Amino acid sequence: MVSAKTILAYLLYALLAAILFLVLLFPDQAVKAYVDSRLAAIDPSLSMEAETIRPAMPPGLKMTGVDLNRNNVRLAHFEDARMSPDLATVLQDKKQVRFQARIAGGTVNGRATLEDTGPAGPLRVEAVLSDIRLGKLDAIKTHVPFALSGSLNGRMTHDGTRAPTGMTNGLLNVSDLHITLREPFFGISELVMDQTDADFSVSSGNLRLKSLTFDGPMVEGKITGTIELRQPVEQSRLNLTGNAKPRPELLARLQETLPQGIVNTRTLGTRGLTFRVRGSIDDPDLSMR
């Protein structure tokens, strides 16, 4: 007669063997292909690479060394990422997957809602960004005439099926933003903002900047307009207008460096400086009045 201890040992052995085979034979390439197809539904130029893709408990996936690429150029590197299904929605028409990831010293947490598990089915993604260091993001390290640093927080959503019909909306804020110009502008090489807030949407290859407000010890102001997104990103076309009001410290420096006749420096501190930006990110055309 087989003892209960023997039965338990066989069950444990079978369980361990199943887990071992699940790990060794886990279809990581199939998972990557599915994720790539979902990324392509947002933007056909997006793809993903990961050092490892493994099952995790509770049921889900864990990835390490994840690179998000656009046209084979890395946009962001995630130290690790985890996805797990919301079990309460498995038998529903709209299935939800929760995800968490670590990136640039901060985190991204959110959920994706799928109305169809196929690669082109309707998709909604909601994400919360926390304490991400701008200076560590690969997408920021492009050949543009400035460098950015600061702590990024906010929320983003994406709704749609295959690009370009989808729409992305965002409400982001950056604290302690430093903008370092590679070439000084009228003697100014760096601007510091205590708080910067952006309300924007992206659709059909165009970024609509509903409001970008900034406030710091040197200047405060607001920018609105559109950016026609192109690849590489530094060739994106700008159509922006704004107003900036310098604080006393910056005002004194501008009065010393601005050529006479460009603007009325006596009214800068009250009315501010109204400007327009055209051209591209790497070669902007700035006009002031």
Foldseek 3Di string as FASTA:
>chain_A
DDDPVNVVVVVVVVVVVVQVCCFVVPPPVVVQVLVLLQVQQAPVQKGKDFPDWGADPPGWIKTAFMFIDGVNHTFFTWRMKIKDWPVVCPPPQKTKIWMKTHGQNWIKTWMKIFNDSDSFGKIKIKIWTFQHWQQRGSNQPDLFQKHKTFGKTWMKMWTDGHPQAIKMWIKMKTAFIKIAGNDDDLNHGIDTFRMWIWTWMDHRQKIWTCWIWTHDQFKTKIKGDMWRADPPRQQIWDWMKMFMATDPVNLVSCVVRPDPPQDDSVCSNPRTKIWTWTGGRRDIDIHID
